[in-house]
Structures are given as structure tokens and as C-alpha cells.
């Protein structure tokens, strides 16, 4: 008689036939449900290119920020937390134009080595004061 051999190990397999379908469905799910944060930058309305107009120099307030984070407003040393009050008093001193907008134009100028955080703090304080006309001057070499 023929003798039957008994297998000692059973080979088990994981069914992978539907694996590509599952992976594709997971990919679609995550693509559809994931939101991508977009950096919006600094929200400012920029003038049209080439738009030039005459400005009364008395209506310009110069804000200078050096690399150490020190601020000068119209050649007067100022702490960052004081910018709002000083700019606000300058706005009220200069008054409004015919359109009801403040006449004050704030020109912000920094050194190349000025930290970005300091620049943003100064810009935020100026905007918090209610200035609608801000000039960002190019840093010196």
C-alpha cells in the first residue's frame, strides 16, 4: 500500500488581491480630507505700479529700525510697545484729508540685519494705530 506523507507545516498566505484597491481608496480619502495651510503673508493693499503722487513732507513720519531692534520715530528713540501711542498722536496732530482719511504716511525702514520678528512687531504696532498709508522703504546696503 502506498503510504501517505503527512505535512508538518501548513503554509498560510495573506490574501493580497484587494490590497491595491484599499491603498487607492485610502489615498483618495486623505487627499480629499486633508487641508493645506497656505501662508498668506502680510495682508496689505499695494498701489498700482508706477502710480506716483506728490506728498507733503510734513505728513511723513519716519520709523527706523536697526539690527539691535531699537526704533526711532522721527529721530526720537522709542520702545516697540510705545509705537502705537506715538503714531496715534502724530495722526491726530496732522488731521484728516478731504476723503476723511488720516493724512499721516508712515515710512518704515530697517537695516538688512534687522530680525524679521522685530520688523513684524513694528509693522503690527503701526497698523494697530490705524494708519492706512504705510511706506516700506528698502533697507540700506
C-alpha atoms as a PDB file:
ATOM      1  CA  UNK A   1       0.000   0.000   0.000  1.00  0.00           C
ATOM      2  CA  UNK A   2       1.082   3.475  -0.653  1.00  0.00           C
ATOM      3  CA  UNK A   3       1.967   5.409   2.326  1.00  0.00           C
ATOM      4  CA  UNK A   4       0.664   8.955   2.644  1.00  0.00           C
ATOM      5  CA  UNK A   5       3.079  11.562   3.865  1.00  0.00           C
ATOM      6  CA  UNK A   6       1.802  13.986   6.359  1.00  0.00           C
ATOM      7  CA  UNK A   7       2.738  17.629   6.128  1.00  0.00           C
ATOM      8  CA  UNK A   8       4.016  19.051   9.352  1.00  0.00           C
ATOM      9  CA  UNK A   9       3.851  22.721   8.387  1.00  0.00           C
ATOM     10  CA  UNK A  10       0.866  24.407   6.973  1.00  0.00           C
ATOM     11  CA  UNK A  11       1.639  27.299   4.626  1.00  0.00           C
ATOM     12  CA  UNK A  12      -0.624  30.215   5.347  1.00  0.00           C
ATOM     13  CA  UNK A  13      -0.967  33.130   2.960  1.00  0.00           C
ATOM     14  CA  UNK A  14      -2.435  36.548   3.454  1.00  0.00           C
ATOM     15  CA  UNK A  15      -4.795  37.354   0.619  1.00  0.00           C
ATOM     16  CA  UNK A  16      -3.398  40.452  -1.118  1.00  0.00           C
ATOM     17  CA  UNK A  17      -5.687  40.580  -4.087  1.00  0.00           C
ATOM     18  CA  UNK A  18      -7.649  43.582  -2.841  1.00  0.00           C
ATOM     19  CA  UNK A  19      -4.666  45.415  -1.322  1.00  0.00           C
ATOM     20  CA  UNK A  20      -4.193  47.837  -4.251  1.00  0.00           C
ATOM     21  CA  UNK A  21      -7.877  48.767  -4.092  1.00  0.00           C
ATOM     22  CA  UNK A  22      -7.651  49.511  -0.382  1.00  0.00           C
ATOM     23  CA  UNK A  23      -4.484  51.578  -0.790  1.00  0.00           C
ATOM     24  CA  UNK A  24      -6.051  53.574  -3.616  1.00  0.00           C
ATOM     25  CA  UNK A  25      -9.189  54.276  -1.563  1.00  0.00           C
ATOM     26  CA  UNK A  26      -7.095  55.417   1.429  1.00  0.00           C
ATOM     27  CA  UNK A  27      -5.063  57.695  -0.818  1.00  0.00           C
ATOM     28  CA  UNK A  28      -8.203  59.292  -2.248  1.00  0.00           C
ATOM     29  CA  UNK A  29      -9.676  59.662   1.252  1.00  0.00           C
ATOM     30  CA  UNK A  30      -6.622  61.512   2.593  1.00  0.00           C
ATOM     31  CA  UNK A  31      -6.306  63.696  -0.492  1.00  0.00           C
ATOM     32  CA  UNK A  32      -9.919  64.786  -0.195  1.00  0.00           C
ATOM     33  CA  UNK A  33      -9.986  65.342   3.569  1.00  0.00           C
ATOM     34  CA  UNK A  34      -6.585  66.974   4.094  1.00  0.00           C
ATOM     35  CA  UNK A  35      -6.409  70.740   4.154  1.00  0.00           C
ATOM     36  CA  UNK A  36      -3.243  72.532   3.172  1.00  0.00           C
ATOM     37  CA  UNK A  37      -2.359  75.646   5.105  1.00  0.00           C
ATOM     38  CA  UNK A  38      -1.424  78.460   2.792  1.00  0.00           C
ATOM     39  CA  UNK A  39       0.825  81.184   4.131  1.00  0.00           C
ATOM     40  CA  UNK A  40      -0.998  84.389   3.462  1.00  0.00           C
ATOM     41  CA  UNK A  41       1.913  86.688   4.232  1.00  0.00           C
ATOM     42  CA  UNK A  42       1.331  90.221   5.371  1.00  0.00           C
ATOM     43  CA  UNK A  43      -2.114  91.428   4.285  1.00  0.00           C
ATOM     44  CA  UNK A  44      -1.537  94.779   2.602  1.00  0.00           C
ATOM     45  CA  UNK A  45      -3.088  96.573  -0.327  1.00  0.00           C
ATOM     46  CA  UNK A  46      -0.338  97.620  -2.662  1.00  0.00           C
ATOM     47  CA  UNK A  47      -0.696 100.553  -5.066  1.00  0.00           C
ATOM     48  CA  UNK A  48      -0.653 100.089  -8.804  1.00  0.00           C
ATOM     49  CA  UNK A  49       2.750 100.021 -10.434  1.00  0.00           C
ATOM     50  CA  UNK A  50       4.004 103.415 -11.496  1.00  0.00           C
ATOM     51  CA  UNK A  51       1.423 105.309  -9.500  1.00  0.00           C
ATOM     52  CA  UNK A  52       3.242 108.391  -8.246  1.00  0.00           C
ATOM     53  CA  UNK A  53       1.821 111.416  -6.488  1.00  0.00           C
ATOM     54  CA  UNK A  54       3.128 114.398  -4.570  1.00  0.00           C
ATOM     55  CA  UNK A  55       3.274 114.056  -0.810  1.00  0.00           C
ATOM     56  CA  UNK A  56       3.631 116.853   1.699  1.00  0.00           C
ATOM     57  CA  UNK A  57       6.852 116.029   3.628  1.00  0.00           C
ATOM     58  CA  UNK A  58       5.204 117.260   6.841  1.00  0.00           C
ATOM     59  CA  UNK A  59       2.751 114.334   6.630  1.00  0.00           C
ATOM     60  CA  UNK A  60       5.512 111.692   6.639  1.00  0.00           C
ATOM     61  CA  UNK A  61       6.612 110.033   9.847  1.00  0.00           C
ATOM     62  CA  UNK A  62       9.859 108.060   9.545  1.00  0.00           C
ATOM     63  CA  UNK A  63      10.220 104.862  11.550  1.00  0.00           C
ATOM     64  CA  UNK A  64      13.748 103.462  11.542  1.00  0.00           C
ATOM     65  CA  UNK A  65      14.588 100.036  12.997  1.00  0.00           C
ATOM     66  CA  UNK A  66      18.209  98.988  13.449  1.00  0.00           C
ATOM     67  CA  UNK A  67      19.694  95.499  13.693  1.00  0.00           C
ATOM     68  CA  UNK A  68      19.568  95.572  17.511  1.00  0.00           C
ATOM     69  CA  UNK A  69      15.792  96.121  17.433  1.00  0.00           C
ATOM     70  CA  UNK A  70      15.964  99.751  18.522  1.00  0.00           C
ATOM     71  CA  UNK A  71      13.328 102.024  16.998  1.00  0.00           C
ATOM     72  CA  UNK A  72      13.490 105.706  16.076  1.00  0.00           C
ATOM     73  CA  UNK A  73      10.287 107.569  15.245  1.00  0.00           C
ATOM     74  CA  UNK A  74      11.126 110.922  13.669  1.00  0.00           C
ATOM     75  CA  UNK A  75      14.634 110.764  15.214  1.00  0.00           C
ATOM     76  CA  UNK A  76      13.263 110.065  18.712  1.00  0.00           C
ATOM     77  CA  UNK A  77      14.159 106.734  20.418  1.00  0.00           C
ATOM     78  CA  UNK A  78      11.034 104.695  21.092  1.00  0.00           C
ATOM     79  CA  UNK A  79      10.250 101.306  22.596  1.00  0.00           C
ATOM     80  CA  UNK A  80       8.203  98.935  20.428  1.00  0.00           C
ATOM     81  CA  UNK A  81       5.265  98.960  22.865  1.00  0.00           C
ATOM     82  CA  UNK A  82       5.168 102.804  22.646  1.00  0.00           C
ATOM     83  CA  UNK A  83       4.888 102.934  18.838  1.00  0.00           C
ATOM     84  CA  UNK A  84       1.079 102.729  18.851  1.00  0.00           C
ATOM     85  CA  UNK A  85       0.690 105.765  21.136  1.00  0.00           C
ATOM     86  CA  UNK A  86       3.280 107.926  19.351  1.00  0.00           C
ATOM     87  CA  UNK A  87       1.921 107.170  15.871  1.00  0.00           C
ATOM     88  CA  UNK A  88      -1.642 107.737  17.067  1.00  0.00           C
ATOM     89  CA  UNK A  89      -0.760 111.168  18.492  1.00  0.00           C
ATOM     90  CA  UNK A  90       1.068 112.053  15.232  1.00  0.00           C
ATOM     91  CA  UNK A  91      -2.038 111.068  13.259  1.00  0.00           C
ATOM     92  CA  UNK A  92      -4.291 113.246  15.383  1.00  0.00           C
ATOM     93  CA  UNK A  93      -1.856 116.178  15.151  1.00  0.00           C
ATOM     94  CA  UNK A  94      -1.822 116.049  11.336  1.00  0.00           C
ATOM     95  CA  UNK A  95      -5.576 115.559  10.943  1.00  0.00           C
ATOM     96  CA  UNK A  96      -7.581 114.084   8.078  1.00  0.00           C
ATOM     97  CA  UNK A  97      -7.717 114.862   4.359  1.00  0.00           C
ATOM     98  CA  UNK A  98     -10.776 115.665   2.207  1.00  0.00           C
ATOM     99  CA  UNK A  99     -11.677 111.965   1.920  1.00  0.00           C
ATOM    100  CA  UNK A 100     -11.759 111.567   5.697  1.00  0.00           C
ATOM    101  CA  UNK A 101      -8.550 109.511   5.756  1.00  0.00           C
ATOM    102  CA  UNK A 102      -5.663 110.347   8.025  1.00  0.00           C
ATOM    103  CA  UNK A 103      -3.008 112.488   6.344  1.00  0.00           C
ATOM    104  CA  UNK A 104      -0.140 110.695   8.081  1.00  0.00           C
ATOM    105  CA  UNK A 105       2.065 108.446   5.975  1.00  0.00           C
ATOM    106  CA  UNK A 106       4.382 106.177   7.958  1.00  0.00           C
ATOM    107  CA  UNK A 107       7.655 105.204   6.270  1.00  0.00           C
ATOM    108  CA  UNK A 108       9.241 102.108   7.813  1.00  0.00           C
ATOM    109  CA  UNK A 109      12.903 101.486   7.081  1.00  0.00           C
ATOM    110  CA  UNK A 110      15.102  98.752   8.516  1.00  0.00           C
ATOM    111  CA  UNK A 111      18.677  97.590   8.299  1.00  0.00           C
ATOM    112  CA  UNK A 112      19.366  94.349   6.440  1.00  0.00           C
ATOM    113  CA  UNK A 113      20.343  92.616   9.691  1.00  0.00           C
ATOM    114  CA  UNK A 114      17.096  93.548  11.471  1.00  0.00           C
ATOM    115  CA  UNK A 115      15.267  90.450  12.653  1.00  0.00           C
ATOM    116  CA  UNK A 116      12.043  89.613  10.878  1.00  0.00           C
ATOM    117  CA  UNK A 117      10.188  89.308  14.200  1.00  0.00           C
ATOM    118  CA  UNK A 118      11.147  92.849  15.197  1.00  0.00           C
ATOM    119  CA  UNK A 119      10.082  94.173  11.792  1.00  0.00           C
ATOM    120  CA  UNK A 120       6.684  92.457  12.068  1.00  0.00           C
ATOM    121  CA  UNK A 121       6.179  93.764  15.632  1.00  0.00           C
ATOM    122  CA  UNK A 122       6.857  97.326  14.450  1.00  0.00           C
ATOM    123  CA  UNK A 123       4.565  96.916  11.439  1.00  0.00           C
ATOM    124  CA  UNK A 124       1.811  95.462  13.635  1.00  0.00           C
ATOM    125  CA  UNK A 125       2.039  98.374  16.080  1.00  0.00           C
ATOM    126  CA  UNK A 126       1.828 100.892  13.230  1.00  0.00           C
ATOM    127  CA  UNK A 127      -1.201  99.124  11.755  1.00  0.00           C
ATOM    128  CA  UNK A 128      -2.796  98.853  15.216  1.00  0.00           C
ATOM    129  CA  UNK A 129      -2.582 102.649  15.484  1.00  0.00           C
ATOM    130  CA  UNK A 130      -4.932 102.867  12.490  1.00  0.00           C
ATOM    131  CA  UNK A 131      -2.507 104.033   9.812  1.00  0.00           C
ATOM    132  CA  UNK A 132      -3.794 103.276   6.324  1.00  0.00           C
ATOM    133  CA  UNK A 133      -0.817 104.679   4.402  1.00  0.00           C
ATOM    134  CA  UNK A 134       2.389 102.762   5.085  1.00  0.00           C
ATOM    135  CA  UNK A 135       5.544 103.039   3.020  1.00  0.00           C
ATOM    136  CA  UNK A 136       8.066 100.238   3.315  1.00  0.00           C
ATOM    137  CA  UNK A 137      11.455 101.647   2.387  1.00  0.00           C
ATOM    138  CA  UNK A 138      14.197  99.415   1.048  1.00  0.00           C
ATOM    139  CA  UNK A 139      16.874  98.585   3.621  1.00  0.00           C
ATOM    140  CA  UNK A 140      20.268 100.157   3.184  1.00  0.00           C
ATOM    141  CA  UNK A 141      23.169  98.045   1.966  1.00  0.00           C
END
